[in-house]
Amino acid sequence: MMTHASPGAAARTEAPTPTRRTVDAFTRTLHALLALSFLGAYITAESEIFRLVHVTLGYTLGGLLLVRVVWGLLGPRHARLSALLGKLRGLGAWLQGLGHGLANGLGGVQASWRQGQNLYMALTVAAVLLAIVPVVLSGYVTYQEWTGEWMEEVHEFFGNFMLAAVLAHIAGVVVLSLLRRRNLATPMLTGRVEGAGPDLIRSNQGWWAIVLLAAVVSFWVWQWQASPQGQGEGMAAWLHPAPGKAQSMQSDDHDDDD
């Protein structure tokens, strides 16, 4: 007499797909905050109503860049800036190898192509991080009205440059995910990838991720309280122009609309 296993029993006998941790929670939180801060700042760039939001997110970008530098110097091996610089140092050798590969046939080109993919992603990451510096500095100078309108054009230029670098990075993730037939964005979302083996990250750094998120939210609240709208005074006053300047900025904007 033949017996048939029920679908439920078959499902229970299936082993879950093994995964391993490759990115810690702190790195993922930092990555998400950088992405959301830039997106919000870019969307509110031309809005007078959301000027404070734009400025606050700009300051947040600058602070997160400092955190990324410290994390890249003192953090775990996978987050070290030395790993990024090591990839970028291979650019010259890769170009030479590509030339030799083209001369020697398809096999050499395929090897250079794989390394070129990693170099491309490293270049886009470096471009995004480096662009934050002139974006934040030019935005601060513009907000304080220390120069003429030409600084606004500088700020806009670097903002658009950073957008191009971000889009190039996203395009690289999408294209390489299709070429390699696996979602390269998954590690930054879940921290894990499919595959057997030990975790590459010993500690998930969950508490540090919570501290970072709490610090950013606290800064946003502090910014509002210290802003001209919040009528705050004190240590954060240097982050905002004097009330007279703020009123003149609004008047200039209204005059431009007229």
C-alpha atoms as a PDB file:
ATOM      1  CA  MET A   1       0.000   0.000   0.000  1.00  0.00           C
ATOM      2  CA  MET A   2       1.467   3.325  -1.092  1.00  0.00           C
ATOM      3  CA  THR A   3       1.335   6.375   1.124  1.00  0.00           C
ATOM      4  CA  HIS A   4       1.719   9.971   0.065  1.00  0.00           C
ATOM      5  CA  ALA A   5       3.299  12.616   2.250  1.00  0.00           C
ATOM      6  CA  SER A   6       1.133  15.676   2.810  1.00  0.00           C
ATOM      7  CA  PRO A   7       2.338  19.070   1.468  1.00  0.00           C
ATOM      8  CA  GLY A   8       2.648  20.303   5.053  1.00  0.00           C
ATOM      9  CA  ALA A   9       4.912  17.426   6.026  1.00  0.00           C
ATOM     10  CA  ALA A  10       7.080  18.026   2.951  1.00  0.00           C
ATOM     11  CA  ALA A  11       7.406  21.698   3.824  1.00  0.00           C
ATOM     12  CA  ARG A  12       8.461  20.803   7.370  1.00  0.00           C
ATOM     13  CA  THR A  13      11.178  18.525   6.112  1.00  0.00           C
ATOM     14  CA  GLU A  14      12.690  21.171   3.820  1.00  0.00           C
ATOM     15  CA  ALA A  15      15.791  22.705   5.335  1.00  0.00           C
ATOM     16  CA  PRO A  16      15.893  26.526   5.414  1.00  0.00           C
ATOM     17  CA  THR A  17      18.282  28.203   3.043  1.00  0.00           C
ATOM     18  CA  PRO A  18      21.520  28.850   4.926  1.00  0.00           C
ATOM     19  CA  THR A  19      22.664  32.463   5.202  1.00  0.00           C
ATOM     20  CA  ARG A  20      25.613  34.258   6.716  1.00  0.00           C
ATOM     21  CA  ARG A  21      26.048  37.804   7.982  1.00  0.00           C
ATOM     22  CA  THR A  22      28.241  40.018   5.816  1.00  0.00           C
ATOM     23  CA  VAL A  23      27.262  43.585   6.838  1.00  0.00           C
ATOM     24  CA  ASP A  24      26.674  44.780  10.400  1.00  0.00           C
ATOM     25  CA  ALA A  25      23.675  46.816  11.553  1.00  0.00           C
ATOM     26  CA  PHE A  26      25.696  49.982  12.181  1.00  0.00           C
ATOM     27  CA  THR A  27      27.040  50.064   8.609  1.00  0.00           C
ATOM     28  CA  ARG A  28      23.570  49.442   7.205  1.00  0.00           C
ATOM     29  CA  THR A  29      22.018  52.161   9.366  1.00  0.00           C
ATOM     30  CA  LEU A  30      24.726  54.626   8.366  1.00  0.00           C
ATOM     31  CA  HIS A  31      24.207  53.764   4.695  1.00  0.00           C
ATOM     32  CA  ALA A  32      20.426  54.223   4.985  1.00  0.00           C
ATOM     33  CA  LEU A  33      20.730  57.559   6.811  1.00  0.00           C
ATOM     34  CA  LEU A  34      23.155  58.880   4.193  1.00  0.00           C
ATOM     35  CA  ALA A  35      20.819  57.853   1.386  1.00  0.00           C
ATOM     36  CA  LEU A  36      17.673  59.262   3.014  1.00  0.00           C
ATOM     37  CA  SER A  37      19.382  62.508   4.046  1.00  0.00           C
ATOM     38  CA  PHE A  38      20.619  63.182   0.525  1.00  0.00           C
ATOM     39  CA  LEU A  39      17.274  62.250  -1.024  1.00  0.00           C
ATOM     40  CA  GLY A  40      15.382  64.526   1.336  1.00  0.00           C
ATOM     41  CA  ALA A  41      17.846  67.391   0.905  1.00  0.00           C
ATOM     42  CA  TYR A  42      17.732  67.164  -2.881  1.00  0.00           C
ATOM     43  CA  ILE A  43      13.927  67.053  -2.996  1.00  0.00           C
ATOM     44  CA  THR A  44      13.610  70.126  -0.737  1.00  0.00           C
ATOM     45  CA  ALA A  45      16.401  72.111  -2.429  1.00  0.00           C
ATOM     46  CA  GLU A  46      14.070  74.535  -4.218  1.00  0.00           C
ATOM     47  CA  SER A  47      11.412  74.790  -1.514  1.00  0.00           C
ATOM     48  CA  GLU A  48      11.181  77.839   0.703  1.00  0.00           C
ATOM     49  CA  ILE A  49       8.647  76.134   2.975  1.00  0.00           C
ATOM     50  CA  PHE A  50      11.001  73.239   3.651  1.00  0.00           C
ATOM     51  CA  ARG A  51      14.181  75.311   3.790  1.00  0.00           C
ATOM     52  CA  LEU A  52      14.885  74.230   7.383  1.00  0.00           C
ATOM     53  CA  VAL A  53      14.424  70.585   6.402  1.00  0.00           C
ATOM     54  CA  HIS A  54      16.892  71.030   3.552  1.00  0.00           C
ATOM     55  CA  VAL A  55      19.455  72.715   5.790  1.00  0.00           C
ATOM     56  CA  THR A  56      19.057  70.169   8.591  1.00  0.00           C
ATOM     57  CA  LEU A  57      19.503  67.236   6.232  1.00  0.00           C
ATOM     58  CA  GLY A  58      22.561  68.945   4.769  1.00  0.00           C
ATOM     59  CA  TYR A  59      24.129  69.238   8.215  1.00  0.00           C
ATOM     60  CA  THR A  60      23.173  65.607   8.816  1.00  0.00           C
ATOM     61  CA  LEU A  61      25.053  64.585   5.676  1.00  0.00           C
ATOM     62  CA  GLY A  62      28.164  66.350   6.923  1.00  0.00           C
ATOM     63  CA  GLY A  63      27.939  64.715  10.328  1.00  0.00           C
ATOM     64  CA  LEU A  64      27.350  61.280   8.846  1.00  0.00           C
ATOM     65  CA  LEU A  65      30.399  61.717   6.633  1.00  0.00           C
ATOM     66  CA  LEU A  66      32.520  62.330   9.750  1.00  0.00           C
ATOM     67  CA  VAL A  67      31.021  59.212  11.315  1.00  0.00           C
ATOM     68  CA  ARG A  68      31.817  57.252   8.158  1.00  0.00           C
ATOM     69  CA  VAL A  69      35.447  58.414   8.263  1.00  0.00           C
ATOM     70  CA  VAL A  70      35.824  57.426  11.929  1.00  0.00           C
ATOM     71  CA  TRP A  71      34.090  54.091  11.265  1.00  0.00           C
ATOM     72  CA  GLY A  72      36.361  53.587   8.281  1.00  0.00           C
ATOM     73  CA  LEU A  73      39.418  54.075  10.477  1.00  0.00           C
ATOM     74  CA  LEU A  74      38.360  52.274  13.654  1.00  0.00           C
ATOM     75  CA  GLY A  75      35.536  49.998  12.560  1.00  0.00           C
ATOM     76  CA  PRO A  76      35.561  46.355  11.432  1.00  0.00           C
ATOM     77  CA  ARG A  77      37.683  45.230   8.517  1.00  0.00           C
ATOM     78  CA  HIS A  78      34.866  45.166   5.948  1.00  0.00           C
ATOM     79  CA  ALA A  79      34.042  48.835   6.641  1.00  0.00           C
ATOM     80  CA  ARG A  80      37.614  50.129   6.588  1.00  0.00           C
ATOM     81  CA  LEU A  81      38.456  52.920   4.172  1.00  0.00           C
ATOM     82  CA  SER A  82      41.709  51.105   3.520  1.00  0.00           C
ATOM     83  CA  ALA A  83      39.715  48.409   1.720  1.00  0.00           C
ATOM     84  CA  LEU A  84      38.167  51.050  -0.544  1.00  0.00           C
ATOM     85  CA  LEU A  85      41.525  52.717  -1.172  1.00  0.00           C
ATOM     86  CA  GLY A  86      43.074  49.344  -1.919  1.00  0.00           C
ATOM     87  CA  LYS A  87      40.571  48.783  -4.707  1.00  0.00           C
ATOM     88  CA  LEU A  88      41.159  52.252  -6.121  1.00  0.00           C
ATOM     89  CA  ARG A  89      44.925  51.752  -6.127  1.00  0.00           C
ATOM     90  CA  GLY A  90      44.386  48.869  -8.514  1.00  0.00           C
ATOM     91  CA  LEU A  91      42.978  51.165 -11.199  1.00  0.00           C
ATOM     92  CA  GLY A  92      46.297  51.698 -12.963  1.00  0.00           C
ATOM     93  CA  ALA A  93      47.177  48.011 -12.903  1.00  0.00           C
ATOM     94  CA  TRP A  94      43.693  47.179 -14.165  1.00  0.00           C
ATOM     95  CA  LEU A  95      44.049  49.506 -17.137  1.00  0.00           C
ATOM     96  CA  GLN A  96      47.365  47.890 -18.005  1.00  0.00           C
ATOM     97  CA  GLY A  97      45.863  44.429 -17.568  1.00  0.00           C
ATOM     98  CA  LEU A  98      42.947  45.370 -19.768  1.00  0.00           C
ATOM     99  CA  GLY A  99      45.346  46.400 -22.512  1.00  0.00           C
ATOM    100  CA  HIS A 100      47.204  43.108 -22.251  1.00  0.00           C
ATOM    101  CA  GLY A 101      43.910  41.221 -22.157  1.00  0.00           C
ATOM    102  CA  LEU A 102      42.725  42.846 -25.354  1.00  0.00           C
ATOM    103  CA  ALA A 103      46.004  41.839 -26.975  1.00  0.00           C
ATOM    104  CA  ASN A 104      45.911  38.242 -25.701  1.00  0.00           C
ATOM    105  CA  GLY A 105      42.303  37.361 -26.385  1.00  0.00           C
ATOM    106  CA  LEU A 106      38.915  36.917 -24.726  1.00  0.00           C
ATOM    107  CA  GLY A 107      40.157  35.145 -21.593  1.00  0.00           C
ATOM    108  CA  GLY A 108      42.240  38.095 -20.467  1.00  0.00           C
ATOM    109  CA  VAL A 109      39.377  40.485 -21.132  1.00  0.00           C
ATOM    110  CA  GLN A 110      36.986  38.440 -18.987  1.00  0.00           C
ATOM    111  CA  ALA A 111      39.414  38.518 -16.049  1.00  0.00           C
ATOM    112  CA  SER A 112      39.820  42.292 -16.388  1.00  0.00           C
ATOM    113  CA  TRP A 113      36.055  42.693 -16.749  1.00  0.00           C
ATOM    114  CA  ARG A 114      35.408  41.097 -13.359  1.00  0.00           C
ATOM    115  CA  GLN A 115      37.940  43.341 -11.644  1.00  0.00           C
ATOM    116  CA  GLY A 116      36.551  46.317 -13.545  1.00  0.00           C
ATOM    117  CA  GLN A 117      33.132  45.737 -12.024  1.00  0.00           C
ATOM    118  CA  ASN A 118      34.562  46.006  -8.514  1.00  0.00           C
ATOM    119  CA  LEU A 119      36.567  49.080  -9.486  1.00  0.00           C
ATOM    120  CA  TYR A 120      33.474  50.766 -10.892  1.00  0.00           C
ATOM    121  CA  MET A 121      31.547  50.264  -7.650  1.00  0.00           C
ATOM    122  CA  ALA A 122      34.504  51.520  -5.602  1.00  0.00           C
ATOM    123  CA  LEU A 123      34.757  54.637  -7.783  1.00  0.00           C
ATOM    124  CA  THR A 124      31.056  55.448  -7.373  1.00  0.00           C
ATOM    125  CA  VAL A 125      31.270  55.045  -3.588  1.00  0.00           C
ATOM    126  CA  ALA A 126      34.343  57.297  -3.436  1.00  0.00           C
ATOM    127  CA  ALA A 127      32.649  59.894  -5.661  1.00  0.00           C
ATOM    128  CA  VAL A 128      29.569  60.000  -3.425  1.00  0.00           C
ATOM    129  CA  LEU A 129      31.595  60.373  -0.225  1.00  0.00           C
ATOM    130  CA  LEU A 130      33.922  63.023  -1.668  1.00  0.00           C
ATOM    131  CA  ALA A 131      31.005  65.024  -3.100  1.00  0.00           C
ATOM    132  CA  ILE A 132      29.492  65.466   0.361  1.00  0.00           C
ATOM    133  CA  VAL A 133      32.301  67.849   1.403  1.00  0.00           C
ATOM    134  CA  PRO A 134      31.756  70.597  -1.216  1.00  0.00           C
ATOM    135  CA  VAL A 135      27.987  70.099  -1.093  1.00  0.00           C
ATOM    136  CA  VAL A 136      27.820  70.748   2.657  1.00  0.00           C
ATOM    137  CA  LEU A 137      30.403  73.558   2.716  1.00  0.00           C
ATOM    138  CA  SER A 138      28.894  75.454  -0.216  1.00  0.00           C
ATOM    139  CA  GLY A 139      25.429  74.974   1.264  1.00  0.00           C
ATOM    140  CA  TYR A 140      26.543  76.373   4.614  1.00  0.00           C
ATOM    141  CA  VAL A 141      28.167  79.424   3.010  1.00  0.00           C
ATOM    142  CA  THR A 142      25.062  80.021   0.908  1.00  0.00           C
ATOM    143  CA  TYR A 143      22.753  79.700   3.908  1.00  0.00           C
ATOM    144  CA  GLN A 144      24.827  82.179   5.923  1.00  0.00           C
ATOM    145  CA  GLU A 145      24.815  84.640   2.984  1.00  0.00           C
ATOM    146  CA  TRP A 146      28.577  85.143   3.128  1.00  0.00           C
ATOM    147  CA  THR A 147      28.923  85.451  -0.637  1.00  0.00           C
ATOM    148  CA  GLY A 148      26.863  86.343  -3.654  1.00  0.00           C
ATOM    149  CA  GLU A 149      24.594  84.202  -5.766  1.00  0.00           C
ATOM    150  CA  TRP A 150      27.543  82.498  -7.426  1.00  0.00           C
ATOM    151  CA  MET A 151      27.926  80.249  -4.381  1.00  0.00           C
ATOM    152  CA  GLU A 152      24.371  79.026  -4.911  1.00  0.00           C
ATOM    153  CA  GLU A 153      25.410  77.906  -8.382  1.00  0.00           C
ATOM    154  CA  VAL A 154      28.432  76.116  -6.908  1.00  0.00           C
ATOM    155  CA  HIS A 155      26.162  74.394  -4.396  1.00  0.00           C
ATOM    156  CA  GLU A 156      23.763  73.362  -7.126  1.00  0.00           C
ATOM    157  CA  PHE A 157      26.591  72.045  -9.302  1.00  0.00           C
ATOM    158  CA  PHE A 158      27.988  69.778  -6.595  1.00  0.00           C
ATOM    159  CA  GLY A 159      24.490  68.702  -5.607  1.00  0.00           C
ATOM    160  CA  ASN A 160      23.854  67.565  -9.170  1.00  0.00           C
ATOM    161  CA  PHE A 161      27.287  65.925  -9.295  1.00  0.00           C
ATOM    162  CA  MET A 162      26.474  63.958  -6.163  1.00  0.00           C
ATOM    163  CA  LEU A 163      23.124  62.953  -7.648  1.00  0.00           C
ATOM    164  CA  ALA A 164      24.917  61.662 -10.745  1.00  0.00           C
ATOM    165  CA  ALA A 165      27.322  59.665  -8.549  1.00  0.00           C
ATOM    166  CA  VAL A 166      24.431  58.197  -6.549  1.00  0.00           C
ATOM    167  CA  LEU A 167      22.555  57.219  -9.715  1.00  0.00           C
ATOM    168  CA  ALA A 168      25.738  55.683 -11.148  1.00  0.00           C
ATOM    169  CA  HIS A 169      26.127  53.650  -7.952  1.00  0.00           C
ATOM    170  CA  ILE A 170      22.505  52.463  -8.055  1.00  0.00           C
ATOM    171  CA  ALA A 171      22.820  51.600 -11.750  1.00  0.00           C
ATOM    172  CA  GLY A 172      25.935  49.574 -10.969  1.00  0.00           C
ATOM    173  CA  VAL A 173      24.110  47.616  -8.281  1.00  0.00           C
ATOM    174  CA  VAL A 174      21.211  46.867 -10.627  1.00  0.00           C
ATOM    175  CA  VAL A 175      23.340  45.890 -13.626  1.00  0.00           C
ATOM    176  CA  LEU A 176      25.754  43.754 -11.632  1.00  0.00           C
ATOM    177  CA  SER A 177      22.849  42.072  -9.853  1.00  0.00           C
ATOM    178  CA  LEU A 178      21.498  41.047 -13.242  1.00  0.00           C
ATOM    179  CA  LEU A 179      24.886  39.922 -14.522  1.00  0.00           C
ATOM    180  CA  ARG A 180      25.723  37.907 -11.409  1.00  0.00           C
ATOM    181  CA  ARG A 181      22.128  36.682 -10.942  1.00  0.00           C
ATOM    182  CA  ARG A 182      21.942  37.657  -7.304  1.00  0.00           C
ATOM    183  CA  ASN A 183      20.643  40.749  -5.547  1.00  0.00           C
ATOM    184  CA  LEU A 184      23.668  42.793  -4.507  1.00  0.00           C
ATOM    185  CA  ALA A 185      21.456  45.170  -2.521  1.00  0.00           C
ATOM    186  CA  THR A 186      20.356  42.428  -0.112  1.00  0.00           C
ATOM    187  CA  PRO A 187      23.394  42.691   2.221  1.00  0.00           C
ATOM    188  CA  MET A 188      22.695  46.402   2.803  1.00  0.00           C
ATOM    189  CA  LEU A 189      19.044  45.638   3.583  1.00  0.00           C
ATOM    190  CA  THR A 190      19.245  42.475   5.673  1.00  0.00           C
ATOM    191  CA  GLY A 191      22.943  42.181   6.438  1.00  0.00           C
ATOM    192  CA  ARG A 192      22.986  38.600   5.187  1.00  0.00           C
ATOM    193  CA  VAL A 193      23.579  36.679   1.955  1.00  0.00           C
ATOM    194  CA  GLU A 194      22.589  33.175   0.980  1.00  0.00           C
ATOM    195  CA  GLY A 195      25.269  30.553   1.343  1.00  0.00           C
ATOM    196  CA  ALA A 196      26.737  28.140   3.838  1.00  0.00           C
ATOM    197  CA  GLY A 197      29.641  29.077   6.029  1.00  0.00           C
ATOM    198  CA  PRO A 198      30.477  31.173   9.069  1.00  0.00           C
ATOM    199  CA  ASP A 199      29.414  34.783   9.459  1.00  0.00           C
ATOM    200  CA  LEU A 200      31.972  37.217   8.090  1.00  0.00           C
ATOM    201  CA  ILE A 201      30.948  39.716  10.776  1.00  0.00           C
ATOM    202  CA  ARG A 202      31.542  38.706  14.377  1.00  0.00           C
ATOM    203  CA  SER A 203      29.332  41.372  15.931  1.00  0.00           C
ATOM    204  CA  ASN A 204      26.195  42.916  14.471  1.00  0.00           C
ATOM    205  CA  GLN A 205      26.914  46.250  16.232  1.00  0.00           C
ATOM    206  CA  GLY A 206      23.198  46.615  16.960  1.00  0.00           C
ATOM    207  CA  TRP A 207      23.597  48.903  19.953  1.00  0.00           C
ATOM    208  CA  TRP A 208      25.868  51.248  18.023  1.00  0.00           C
ATOM    209  CA  ALA A 209      23.246  51.384  15.264  1.00  0.00           C
ATOM    210  CA  ILE A 210      20.621  52.418  17.821  1.00  0.00           C
ATOM    211  CA  VAL A 211      22.956  55.077  19.233  1.00  0.00           C
ATOM    212  CA  LEU A 212      23.579  56.477  15.746  1.00  0.00           C
ATOM    213  CA  LEU A 213      19.875  56.638  14.920  1.00  0.00           C
ATOM    214  CA  ALA A 214      19.061  58.261  18.262  1.00  0.00           C
ATOM    215  CA  ALA A 215      21.844  60.821  17.767  1.00  0.00           C
ATOM    216  CA  VAL A 216      20.536  61.805  14.337  1.00  0.00           C
ATOM    217  CA  VAL A 217      16.951  62.167  15.543  1.00  0.00           C
ATOM    218  CA  SER A 218      18.125  64.180  18.556  1.00  0.00           C
ATOM    219  CA  PHE A 219      20.080  66.481  16.255  1.00  0.00           C
ATOM    220  CA  TRP A 220      16.982  67.070  14.139  1.00  0.00           C
ATOM    221  CA  VAL A 221      14.996  68.075  17.243  1.00  0.00           C
ATOM    222  CA  TRP A 222      17.844  70.288  18.428  1.00  0.00           C
ATOM    223  CA  GLN A 223      18.033  71.941  15.017  1.00  0.00           C
ATOM    224  CA  TRP A 224      14.378  72.861  15.120  1.00  0.00           C
ATOM    225  CA  GLN A 225      14.605  74.270  18.623  1.00  0.00           C
ATOM    226  CA  ALA A 226      17.654  76.367  17.693  1.00  0.00           C
ATOM    227  CA  SER A 227      16.280  77.571  14.367  1.00  0.00           C
ATOM    228  CA  PRO A 228      14.717  80.993  13.734  1.00  0.00           C
ATOM    229  CA  GLN A 229      11.329  79.250  13.459  1.00  0.00           C
ATOM    230  CA  GLY A 230      11.849  77.597  16.822  1.00  0.00           C
ATOM    231  CA  GLN A 231      13.045  80.895  18.346  1.00  0.00           C
ATOM    232  CA  GLY A 232      15.939  79.038  19.961  1.00  0.00           C
ATOM    233  CA  GLU A 233      19.235  80.464  21.113  1.00  0.00           C
ATOM    234  CA  GLY A 234      22.493  79.029  22.330  1.00  0.00           C
ATOM    235  CA  MET A 235      25.146  76.679  21.045  1.00  0.00           C
ATOM    236  CA  ALA A 236      23.406  75.903  17.732  1.00  0.00           C
ATOM    237  CA  ALA A 237      22.878  79.557  16.792  1.00  0.00           C
ATOM    238  CA  TRP A 238      25.953  79.442  14.517  1.00  0.00           C
ATOM    239  CA  LEU A 239      24.163  76.886  12.362  1.00  0.00           C
ATOM    240  CA  HIS A 240      21.583  79.449  11.290  1.00  0.00           C
ATOM    241  CA  PRO A 241      21.773  83.017   9.979  1.00  0.00           C
ATOM    242  CA  ALA A 242      20.727  85.858  12.222  1.00  0.00           C
ATOM    243  CA  PRO A 243      16.972  86.618  12.296  1.00  0.00           C
ATOM    244  CA  GLY A 244      17.509  89.706  10.167  1.00  0.00           C
ATOM    245  CA  LYS A 245      19.315  87.686   7.546  1.00  0.00           C
ATOM    246  CA  ALA A 246      16.639  85.012   7.588  1.00  0.00           C
ATOM    247  CA  GLN A 247      13.960  87.644   6.974  1.00  0.00           C
ATOM    248  CA  SER A 248      15.990  89.206   4.159  1.00  0.00           C
ATOM    249  CA  MET A 249      16.381  85.769   2.556  1.00  0.00           C
ATOM    250  CA  GLN A 250      12.633  85.275   2.601  1.00  0.00           C
ATOM    251  CA  SER A 251      12.059  88.797   1.251  1.00  0.00           C
ATOM    252  CA  ASP A 252      14.526  88.192  -1.572  1.00  0.00           C
ATOM    253  CA  ASP A 253      12.759  84.980  -2.451  1.00  0.00           C
ATOM    254  CA  HIS A 254       9.388  86.760  -2.564  1.00  0.00           C
ATOM    255  CA  ASP A 255      10.887  89.546  -4.711  1.00  0.00           C
ATOM    256  CA  ASP A 256      12.240  86.923  -7.104  1.00  0.00           C
ATOM    257  CA  ASP A 257       8.783  85.384  -7.359  1.00  0.00           C
ATOM    258  CA  ASP A 258       7.311  88.781  -8.194  1.00  0.00           C
END
